[in-house]
């Protein structure tokens, strides 16, 4: 006897964001032998980097092993918060209190920055400051959340509202949680539309973007950073069609988040772990 299926009959593996904003089909480009800035990864971070370098007069090329924005940038839940993990205590133990405060303050500032950036770039991505309810799964977790409000590090305080269990219907229509907290200033957006807006802004600013082009290796030699990449043939995902080195006088920017390739192992020790809260 077959067990009950885990997924419904209409399950699909692609994010439903893609139904409204299908993955972009970019015009093919010829790869240059040299570029002033090479960015690896065409997600949020890579495109924001390329936008700034291109607008400041630097020839910029973006390479991605997959389609533009294929990874987390078009698959996430669209929540925008001020918090980072790990928290102040863990960061202080590792980097010292001063650097820990600087890191966390960047997270706090980022919420206002993203709203201003979206307005400035006129990106239509359903950006809204709707707040966020964080539910406690157990009474113990509720007590921990209560302490979190009281014990915010000095200089890093943000508005947080405590919601008791008997009051949580004002925020969410379930009795599952044992109360929770509300971050009233947190925001949300359509992640795929935001990525599409970034992509269009980068292209209109003169950025060259080559998807399906995996970077194999980054080497330094005499002030140059030759980058060996490997093209893929269309949607067949085959490799080995063409090898070419691209030279860049400045360090390449590797923006692959949680999709790093083992071939770029030298980058792994240069990246500090951090996630959104």
C-alpha atoms as a PDB file:
ATOM      1  CA  UNK A   1       0.000   0.000   0.000  1.00  0.00           C
ATOM      2  CA  UNK A   2       1.414   3.364  -1.035  1.00  0.00           C
ATOM      3  CA  UNK A   3       1.721   5.998   1.701  1.00  0.00           C
ATOM      4  CA  UNK A   4      -0.196   9.243   1.353  1.00  0.00           C
ATOM      5  CA  UNK A   5       1.645  11.663  -0.943  1.00  0.00           C
ATOM      6  CA  UNK A   6       3.502  14.479   0.774  1.00  0.00           C
ATOM      7  CA  UNK A   7       2.677  17.023  -1.927  1.00  0.00           C
ATOM      8  CA  UNK A   8      -0.660  17.962  -3.445  1.00  0.00           C
ATOM      9  CA  UNK A   9      -1.461  16.976  -7.047  1.00  0.00           C
ATOM     10  CA  UNK A  10      -0.890  20.506  -8.313  1.00  0.00           C
ATOM     11  CA  UNK A  11       2.510  20.818  -6.591  1.00  0.00           C
ATOM     12  CA  UNK A  12       5.225  22.491  -8.636  1.00  0.00           C
ATOM     13  CA  UNK A  13       8.854  22.944  -7.689  1.00  0.00           C
ATOM     14  CA  UNK A  14       9.280  26.456  -9.069  1.00  0.00           C
ATOM     15  CA  UNK A  15       8.381  29.446  -6.853  1.00  0.00           C
ATOM     16  CA  UNK A  16       4.959  30.925  -7.492  1.00  0.00           C
ATOM     17  CA  UNK A  17       6.628  34.343  -7.706  1.00  0.00           C
ATOM     18  CA  UNK A  18       7.815  33.196 -11.136  1.00  0.00           C
ATOM     19  CA  UNK A  19       4.244  32.904 -12.424  1.00  0.00           C
ATOM     20  CA  UNK A  20       3.826  36.661 -12.160  1.00  0.00           C
ATOM     21  CA  UNK A  21       7.422  37.474 -13.083  1.00  0.00           C
ATOM     22  CA  UNK A  22       8.952  34.726 -15.262  1.00  0.00           C
ATOM     23  CA  UNK A  23      12.721  34.387 -15.239  1.00  0.00           C
ATOM     24  CA  UNK A  24      14.254  36.866 -17.670  1.00  0.00           C
ATOM     25  CA  UNK A  25      15.547  35.927 -21.088  1.00  0.00           C
ATOM     26  CA  UNK A  26      18.560  38.152 -21.720  1.00  0.00           C
ATOM     27  CA  UNK A  27      20.026  39.142 -25.050  1.00  0.00           C
ATOM     28  CA  UNK A  28      23.188  37.107 -25.750  1.00  0.00           C
ATOM     29  CA  UNK A  29      26.459  38.999 -25.442  1.00  0.00           C
ATOM     30  CA  UNK A  30      30.010  38.369 -26.585  1.00  0.00           C
ATOM     31  CA  UNK A  31      32.359  38.030 -23.647  1.00  0.00           C
ATOM     32  CA  UNK A  32      35.165  40.588 -23.483  1.00  0.00           C
ATOM     33  CA  UNK A  33      38.789  39.650 -22.922  1.00  0.00           C
ATOM     34  CA  UNK A  34      39.075  42.327 -20.249  1.00  0.00           C
ATOM     35  CA  UNK A  35      36.749  44.236 -17.956  1.00  0.00           C
ATOM     36  CA  UNK A  36      37.311  46.734 -15.166  1.00  0.00           C
ATOM     37  CA  UNK A  37      34.935  45.016 -12.725  1.00  0.00           C
ATOM     38  CA  UNK A  38      33.832  41.388 -12.759  1.00  0.00           C
ATOM     39  CA  UNK A  39      30.895  40.383 -10.551  1.00  0.00           C
ATOM     40  CA  UNK A  40      30.146  36.694  -9.949  1.00  0.00           C
ATOM     41  CA  UNK A  41      26.457  36.188  -9.213  1.00  0.00           C
ATOM     42  CA  UNK A  42      23.392  38.041 -10.531  1.00  0.00           C
ATOM     43  CA  UNK A  43      21.238  38.108  -7.398  1.00  0.00           C
ATOM     44  CA  UNK A  44      20.405  41.162  -5.288  1.00  0.00           C
ATOM     45  CA  UNK A  45      23.958  41.714  -4.051  1.00  0.00           C
ATOM     46  CA  UNK A  46      25.641  41.180  -7.387  1.00  0.00           C
ATOM     47  CA  UNK A  47      23.249  43.473  -9.254  1.00  0.00           C
ATOM     48  CA  UNK A  48      23.462  46.208  -6.597  1.00  0.00           C
ATOM     49  CA  UNK A  49      27.249  46.013  -6.813  1.00  0.00           C
ATOM     50  CA  UNK A  50      27.210  46.220 -10.608  1.00  0.00           C
ATOM     51  CA  UNK A  51      24.761  49.122 -10.515  1.00  0.00           C
ATOM     52  CA  UNK A  52      27.111  51.211  -8.373  1.00  0.00           C
ATOM     53  CA  UNK A  53      30.295  50.382 -10.266  1.00  0.00           C
ATOM     54  CA  UNK A  54      28.733  50.991 -13.675  1.00  0.00           C
ATOM     55  CA  UNK A  55      27.156  54.301 -12.643  1.00  0.00           C
ATOM     56  CA  UNK A  56      30.546  55.402 -11.372  1.00  0.00           C
ATOM     57  CA  UNK A  57      32.122  54.899 -14.773  1.00  0.00           C
ATOM     58  CA  UNK A  58      33.580  51.398 -14.485  1.00  0.00           C
ATOM     59  CA  UNK A  59      33.043  48.806 -17.202  1.00  0.00           C
ATOM     60  CA  UNK A  60      31.180  46.020 -15.393  1.00  0.00           C
ATOM     61  CA  UNK A  61      30.503  42.415 -16.340  1.00  0.00           C
ATOM     62  CA  UNK A  62      28.235  40.067 -14.346  1.00  0.00           C
ATOM     63  CA  UNK A  63      28.542  36.282 -14.755  1.00  0.00           C
ATOM     64  CA  UNK A  64      26.176  33.669 -13.323  1.00  0.00           C
ATOM     65  CA  UNK A  65      26.217  29.872 -13.495  1.00  0.00           C
ATOM     66  CA  UNK A  66      22.408  29.848 -13.744  1.00  0.00           C
ATOM     67  CA  UNK A  67      19.791  32.208 -15.155  1.00  0.00           C
ATOM     68  CA  UNK A  68      19.810  35.730 -13.726  1.00  0.00           C
ATOM     69  CA  UNK A  69      18.321  35.689 -10.232  1.00  0.00           C
ATOM     70  CA  UNK A  70      17.746  31.930 -10.289  1.00  0.00           C
ATOM     71  CA  UNK A  71      18.695  31.467  -6.632  1.00  0.00           C
ATOM     72  CA  UNK A  72      17.443  32.941  -3.391  1.00  0.00           C
ATOM     73  CA  UNK A  73      16.827  36.413  -4.800  1.00  0.00           C
ATOM     74  CA  UNK A  74      13.713  35.236  -6.643  1.00  0.00           C
ATOM     75  CA  UNK A  75      12.744  32.445  -4.213  1.00  0.00           C
ATOM     76  CA  UNK A  76      12.689  34.055  -0.757  1.00  0.00           C
ATOM     77  CA  UNK A  77       9.596  35.014   1.232  1.00  0.00           C
ATOM     78  CA  UNK A  78       9.935  38.753   0.646  1.00  0.00           C
ATOM     79  CA  UNK A  79      10.169  39.784   4.312  1.00  0.00           C
ATOM     80  CA  UNK A  80      12.440  42.720   5.149  1.00  0.00           C
ATOM     81  CA  UNK A  81      13.594  43.132   8.739  1.00  0.00           C
ATOM     82  CA  UNK A  82      16.242  44.975  10.739  1.00  0.00           C
ATOM     83  CA  UNK A  83      17.744  41.988  12.506  1.00  0.00           C
ATOM     84  CA  UNK A  84      20.726  39.790  11.772  1.00  0.00           C
ATOM     85  CA  UNK A  85      21.845  36.479  13.176  1.00  0.00           C
ATOM     86  CA  UNK A  86      23.957  35.831  15.152  1.00  0.00           C
ATOM     87  CA  UNK A  87      22.987  38.453  17.743  1.00  0.00           C
ATOM     88  CA  UNK A  88      24.968  40.997  19.733  1.00  0.00           C
ATOM     89  CA  UNK A  89      26.414  38.598  22.337  1.00  0.00           C
ATOM     90  CA  UNK A  90      27.757  36.149  19.758  1.00  0.00           C
ATOM     91  CA  UNK A  91      29.116  38.895  17.498  1.00  0.00           C
ATOM     92  CA  UNK A  92      30.749  40.673  20.458  1.00  0.00           C
ATOM     93  CA  UNK A  93      32.515  37.499  21.532  1.00  0.00           C
ATOM     94  CA  UNK A  94      33.872  37.004  18.034  1.00  0.00           C
ATOM     95  CA  UNK A  95      34.596  40.555  16.838  1.00  0.00           C
ATOM     96  CA  UNK A  96      34.372  42.798  19.904  1.00  0.00           C
ATOM     97  CA  UNK A  97      31.523  45.063  21.031  1.00  0.00           C
ATOM     98  CA  UNK A  98      32.371  47.980  18.726  1.00  0.00           C
ATOM     99  CA  UNK A  99      32.322  45.948  15.531  1.00  0.00           C
ATOM    100  CA  UNK A 100      29.261  44.012  16.707  1.00  0.00           C
ATOM    101  CA  UNK A 101      27.336  47.278  17.144  1.00  0.00           C
ATOM    102  CA  UNK A 102      28.476  48.486  13.721  1.00  0.00           C
ATOM    103  CA  UNK A 103      27.282  45.266  12.057  1.00  0.00           C
ATOM    104  CA  UNK A 104      23.877  45.339  13.755  1.00  0.00           C
ATOM    105  CA  UNK A 105      23.399  49.064  13.091  1.00  0.00           C
ATOM    106  CA  UNK A 106      23.815  48.328   9.392  1.00  0.00           C
ATOM    107  CA  UNK A 107      20.919  45.898   9.688  1.00  0.00           C
ATOM    108  CA  UNK A 108      18.770  48.578  11.337  1.00  0.00           C
ATOM    109  CA  UNK A 109      19.686  51.174   8.710  1.00  0.00           C
ATOM    110  CA  UNK A 110      19.030  48.734   5.876  1.00  0.00           C
ATOM    111  CA  UNK A 111      15.250  48.843   6.385  1.00  0.00           C
ATOM    112  CA  UNK A 112      15.054  52.565   5.636  1.00  0.00           C
ATOM    113  CA  UNK A 113      17.648  52.240   2.878  1.00  0.00           C
ATOM    114  CA  UNK A 114      15.721  49.609   0.926  1.00  0.00           C
ATOM    115  CA  UNK A 115      12.544  51.705   0.981  1.00  0.00           C
ATOM    116  CA  UNK A 116      14.416  54.786  -0.233  1.00  0.00           C
ATOM    117  CA  UNK A 117      16.239  52.774  -2.902  1.00  0.00           C
ATOM    118  CA  UNK A 118      13.035  51.250  -4.295  1.00  0.00           C
ATOM    119  CA  UNK A 119      11.399  54.684  -4.447  1.00  0.00           C
ATOM    120  CA  UNK A 120      14.457  56.261  -6.061  1.00  0.00           C
ATOM    121  CA  UNK A 121      14.747  53.538  -8.711  1.00  0.00           C
ATOM    122  CA  UNK A 122      10.948  53.426  -9.228  1.00  0.00           C
ATOM    123  CA  UNK A 123      10.864  49.621  -8.852  1.00  0.00           C
ATOM    124  CA  UNK A 124       7.322  48.232  -8.888  1.00  0.00           C
ATOM    125  CA  UNK A 125       7.605  45.333  -6.429  1.00  0.00           C
ATOM    126  CA  UNK A 126       4.688  45.764  -3.967  1.00  0.00           C
ATOM    127  CA  UNK A 127       6.932  47.172  -1.226  1.00  0.00           C
ATOM    128  CA  UNK A 128       4.882  47.762   1.940  1.00  0.00           C
ATOM    129  CA  UNK A 129       5.662  48.448   5.600  1.00  0.00           C
ATOM    130  CA  UNK A 130       3.061  46.064   6.979  1.00  0.00           C
ATOM    131  CA  UNK A 131       4.846  44.903  10.132  1.00  0.00           C
ATOM    132  CA  UNK A 132       5.613  41.328  11.126  1.00  0.00           C
ATOM    133  CA  UNK A 133       4.204  38.981  13.761  1.00  0.00           C
ATOM    134  CA  UNK A 134       6.654  36.497  15.266  1.00  0.00           C
ATOM    135  CA  UNK A 135       4.773  33.752  17.103  1.00  0.00           C
ATOM    136  CA  UNK A 136       5.977  31.785  20.123  1.00  0.00           C
ATOM    137  CA  UNK A 137       5.540  28.025  19.701  1.00  0.00           C
ATOM    138  CA  UNK A 138       5.760  27.351  23.457  1.00  0.00           C
ATOM    139  CA  UNK A 139       5.178  29.300  26.697  1.00  0.00           C
ATOM    140  CA  UNK A 140       8.933  29.152  27.305  1.00  0.00           C
ATOM    141  CA  UNK A 141       9.624  30.770  23.950  1.00  0.00           C
ATOM    142  CA  UNK A 142       7.136  33.526  24.770  1.00  0.00           C
ATOM    143  CA  UNK A 143       9.066  34.287  27.975  1.00  0.00           C
ATOM    144  CA  UNK A 144      12.294  34.442  25.956  1.00  0.00           C
ATOM    145  CA  UNK A 145      10.686  36.891  23.521  1.00  0.00           C
ATOM    146  CA  UNK A 146       9.518  38.981  26.466  1.00  0.00           C
ATOM    147  CA  UNK A 147      13.103  39.153  27.736  1.00  0.00           C
ATOM    148  CA  UNK A 148      14.275  40.087  24.248  1.00  0.00           C
ATOM    149  CA  UNK A 149      12.183  43.255  24.349  1.00  0.00           C
ATOM    150  CA  UNK A 150      13.497  44.291  27.764  1.00  0.00           C
ATOM    151  CA  UNK A 151      17.139  43.392  27.112  1.00  0.00           C
ATOM    152  CA  UNK A 152      17.788  45.055  23.761  1.00  0.00           C
ATOM    153  CA  UNK A 153      21.444  46.202  23.578  1.00  0.00           C
ATOM    154  CA  UNK A 154      21.911  49.900  24.306  1.00  0.00           C
ATOM    155  CA  UNK A 155      21.958  51.936  21.113  1.00  0.00           C
ATOM    156  CA  UNK A 156      20.405  49.103  19.103  1.00  0.00           C
ATOM    157  CA  UNK A 157      16.830  49.396  20.345  1.00  0.00           C
ATOM    158  CA  UNK A 158      14.050  48.960  17.781  1.00  0.00           C
ATOM    159  CA  UNK A 159      10.262  49.157  18.254  1.00  0.00           C
ATOM    160  CA  UNK A 160       8.855  45.777  19.359  1.00  0.00           C
ATOM    161  CA  UNK A 161       5.379  45.110  20.741  1.00  0.00           C
ATOM    162  CA  UNK A 162       4.543  42.194  23.029  1.00  0.00           C
ATOM    163  CA  UNK A 163       1.350  40.287  22.146  1.00  0.00           C
ATOM    164  CA  UNK A 164      -0.108  37.933  24.773  1.00  0.00           C
ATOM    165  CA  UNK A 165      -1.864  34.753  23.684  1.00  0.00           C
ATOM    166  CA  UNK A 166      -5.336  36.101  24.451  1.00  0.00           C
ATOM    167  CA  UNK A 167      -4.580  39.142  22.244  1.00  0.00           C
ATOM    168  CA  UNK A 168      -3.008  37.420  19.244  1.00  0.00           C
ATOM    169  CA  UNK A 169      -6.220  37.352  17.184  1.00  0.00           C
ATOM    170  CA  UNK A 170      -5.563  41.048  16.597  1.00  0.00           C
ATOM    171  CA  UNK A 171      -2.547  39.919  14.549  1.00  0.00           C
ATOM    172  CA  UNK A 172      -3.275  36.398  13.293  1.00  0.00           C
ATOM    173  CA  UNK A 173      -6.346  34.178  13.049  1.00  0.00           C
ATOM    174  CA  UNK A 174      -5.101  31.144  14.949  1.00  0.00           C
ATOM    175  CA  UNK A 175      -4.733  29.881  18.513  1.00  0.00           C
ATOM    176  CA  UNK A 176      -1.669  27.815  17.652  1.00  0.00           C
ATOM    177  CA  UNK A 177       0.863  30.245  19.128  1.00  0.00           C
ATOM    178  CA  UNK A 178       1.419  31.153  22.774  1.00  0.00           C
ATOM    179  CA  UNK A 179       1.529  34.861  22.017  1.00  0.00           C
ATOM    180  CA  UNK A 180       4.414  36.568  20.290  1.00  0.00           C
ATOM    181  CA  UNK A 181       5.917  39.888  19.307  1.00  0.00           C
ATOM    182  CA  UNK A 182       5.228  42.386  16.537  1.00  0.00           C
ATOM    183  CA  UNK A 183       7.864  44.354  14.647  1.00  0.00           C
ATOM    184  CA  UNK A 184       5.634  47.218  13.429  1.00  0.00           C
ATOM    185  CA  UNK A 185       8.145  48.708  10.980  1.00  0.00           C
ATOM    186  CA  UNK A 186       9.153  45.549   9.129  1.00  0.00           C
ATOM    187  CA  UNK A 187       8.283  45.421   5.443  1.00  0.00           C
ATOM    188  CA  UNK A 188       7.565  43.010   2.611  1.00  0.00           C
ATOM    189  CA  UNK A 189       7.837  42.916  -1.180  1.00  0.00           C
ATOM    190  CA  UNK A 190       7.507  40.623  -4.184  1.00  0.00           C
ATOM    191  CA  UNK A 191      11.073  39.229  -4.405  1.00  0.00           C
ATOM    192  CA  UNK A 192      11.002  38.267  -8.087  1.00  0.00           C
ATOM    193  CA  UNK A 193       9.631  41.673  -9.138  1.00  0.00           C
ATOM    194  CA  UNK A 194      12.268  43.398  -7.018  1.00  0.00           C
ATOM    195  CA  UNK A 195      14.976  41.354  -8.716  1.00  0.00           C
ATOM    196  CA  UNK A 196      13.517  42.153 -12.132  1.00  0.00           C
ATOM    197  CA  UNK A 197      13.598  45.861 -11.296  1.00  0.00           C
ATOM    198  CA  UNK A 198      17.233  45.602 -10.220  1.00  0.00           C
ATOM    199  CA  UNK A 199      18.075  43.699 -13.391  1.00  0.00           C
ATOM    200  CA  UNK A 200      16.463  46.318 -15.619  1.00  0.00           C
ATOM    201  CA  UNK A 201      18.215  49.131 -13.732  1.00  0.00           C
ATOM    202  CA  UNK A 202      21.585  47.407 -14.122  1.00  0.00           C
ATOM    203  CA  UNK A 203      21.104  46.782 -17.844  1.00  0.00           C
ATOM    204  CA  UNK A 204      19.969  50.357 -18.473  1.00  0.00           C
ATOM    205  CA  UNK A 205      23.080  51.570 -16.620  1.00  0.00           C
ATOM    206  CA  UNK A 206      25.343  49.726 -19.049  1.00  0.00           C
ATOM    207  CA  UNK A 207      26.069  46.546 -17.096  1.00  0.00           C
ATOM    208  CA  UNK A 208      26.817  43.470 -19.235  1.00  0.00           C
ATOM    209  CA  UNK A 209      25.220  40.279 -17.867  1.00  0.00           C
ATOM    210  CA  UNK A 210      26.011  36.749 -19.030  1.00  0.00           C
ATOM    211  CA  UNK A 211      23.872  33.963 -17.489  1.00  0.00           C
ATOM    212  CA  UNK A 212      24.598  30.236 -17.881  1.00  0.00           C
ATOM    213  CA  UNK A 213      28.299  31.052 -17.619  1.00  0.00           C
ATOM    214  CA  UNK A 214      29.994  29.460 -14.637  1.00  0.00           C
ATOM    215  CA  UNK A 215      33.166  30.923 -13.159  1.00  0.00           C
ATOM    216  CA  UNK A 216      35.682  28.134 -12.650  1.00  0.00           C
ATOM    217  CA  UNK A 217      38.613  29.901 -11.059  1.00  0.00           C
ATOM    218  CA  UNK A 218      39.895  33.327 -10.018  1.00  0.00           C
ATOM    219  CA  UNK A 219      43.670  33.875 -10.011  1.00  0.00           C
ATOM    220  CA  UNK A 220      45.867  36.881  -9.282  1.00  0.00           C
ATOM    221  CA  UNK A 221      48.871  37.634 -11.442  1.00  0.00           C
ATOM    222  CA  UNK A 222      50.773  40.941 -11.775  1.00  0.00           C
ATOM    223  CA  UNK A 223      47.893  43.048 -10.528  1.00  0.00           C
ATOM    224  CA  UNK A 224      45.350  41.342 -12.763  1.00  0.00           C
ATOM    225  CA  UNK A 225      42.685  38.847 -11.771  1.00  0.00           C
ATOM    226  CA  UNK A 226      42.229  36.380 -14.667  1.00  0.00           C
ATOM    227  CA  UNK A 227      38.929  34.571 -14.366  1.00  0.00           C
ATOM    228  CA  UNK A 228      38.465  31.210 -16.082  1.00  0.00           C
ATOM    229  CA  UNK A 229      34.804  30.654 -16.821  1.00  0.00           C
ATOM    230  CA  UNK A 230      32.941  27.848 -18.553  1.00  0.00           C
ATOM    231  CA  UNK A 231      29.900  28.400 -20.729  1.00  0.00           C
ATOM    232  CA  UNK A 232      26.830  26.205 -20.655  1.00  0.00           C
ATOM    233  CA  UNK A 233      24.932  25.444 -23.817  1.00  0.00           C
ATOM    234  CA  UNK A 234      21.478  26.970 -23.483  1.00  0.00           C
ATOM    235  CA  UNK A 235      19.003  25.091 -21.315  1.00  0.00           C
ATOM    236  CA  UNK A 236      20.663  21.701 -21.783  1.00  0.00           C
ATOM    237  CA  UNK A 237      22.913  22.444 -18.789  1.00  0.00           C
ATOM    238  CA  UNK A 238      25.843  20.793 -20.587  1.00  0.00           C
ATOM    239  CA  UNK A 239      29.291  22.082 -19.801  1.00  0.00           C
ATOM    240  CA  UNK A 240      32.542  22.485 -21.646  1.00  0.00           C
ATOM    241  CA  UNK A 241      31.457  24.369 -24.776  1.00  0.00           C
ATOM    242  CA  UNK A 242      33.990  27.140 -24.402  1.00  0.00           C
ATOM    243  CA  UNK A 243      36.753  28.197 -22.033  1.00  0.00           C
ATOM    244  CA  UNK A 244      38.001  31.750 -21.839  1.00  0.00           C
ATOM    245  CA  UNK A 245      39.984  33.926 -19.465  1.00  0.00           C
ATOM    246  CA  UNK A 246      38.777  37.412 -18.617  1.00  0.00           C
ATOM    247  CA  UNK A 247      41.199  39.838 -16.994  1.00  0.00           C
ATOM    248  CA  UNK A 248      40.151  42.443 -14.448  1.00  0.00           C
ATOM    249  CA  UNK A 249      42.575  44.964 -12.860  1.00  0.00           C
ATOM    250  CA  UNK A 250      40.509  45.040  -9.660  1.00  0.00           C
ATOM    251  CA  UNK A 251      39.440  42.188  -7.380  1.00  0.00           C
ATOM    252  CA  UNK A 252      36.387  40.338  -8.596  1.00  0.00           C
ATOM    253  CA  UNK A 253      33.206  40.488  -6.509  1.00  0.00           C
ATOM    254  CA  UNK A 254      31.855  37.020  -5.683  1.00  0.00           C
ATOM    255  CA  UNK A 255      28.174  37.314  -4.707  1.00  0.00           C
ATOM    256  CA  UNK A 256      26.864  33.747  -4.634  1.00  0.00           C
ATOM    257  CA  UNK A 257      25.414  33.674  -1.084  1.00  0.00           C
ATOM    258  CA  UNK A 258      24.447  30.067  -0.297  1.00  0.00           C
ATOM    259  CA  UNK A 259      25.451  28.676  -3.707  1.00  0.00           C
ATOM    260  CA  UNK A 260      29.284  28.817  -3.525  1.00  0.00           C
ATOM    261  CA  UNK A 261      31.201  26.495  -5.822  1.00  0.00           C
ATOM    262  CA  UNK A 262      34.027  24.381  -4.454  1.00  0.00           C
ATOM    263  CA  UNK A 263      36.168  25.642  -7.321  1.00  0.00           C
ATOM    264  CA  UNK A 264      36.117  29.065  -5.618  1.00  0.00           C
ATOM    265  CA  UNK A 265      37.332  27.578  -2.332  1.00  0.00           C
ATOM    266  CA  UNK A 266      39.754  30.445  -1.742  1.00  0.00           C
ATOM    267  CA  UNK A 267      36.730  32.717  -1.168  1.00  0.00           C
ATOM    268  CA  UNK A 268      35.235  30.571   1.596  1.00  0.00           C
ATOM    269  CA  UNK A 269      37.591  31.810   4.327  1.00  0.00           C
ATOM    270  CA  UNK A 270      36.961  35.430   3.322  1.00  0.00           C
ATOM    271  CA  UNK A 271      33.218  35.318   3.976  1.00  0.00           C
ATOM    272  CA  UNK A 272      31.618  35.986   7.359  1.00  0.00           C
ATOM    273  CA  UNK A 273      28.474  33.964   8.118  1.00  0.00           C
ATOM    274  CA  UNK A 274      25.288  35.908   8.669  1.00  0.00           C
ATOM    275  CA  UNK A 275      21.574  35.472   8.052  1.00  0.00           C
ATOM    276  CA  UNK A 276      18.497  37.644   8.245  1.00  0.00           C
ATOM    277  CA  UNK A 277      16.416  37.472  11.407  1.00  0.00           C
END
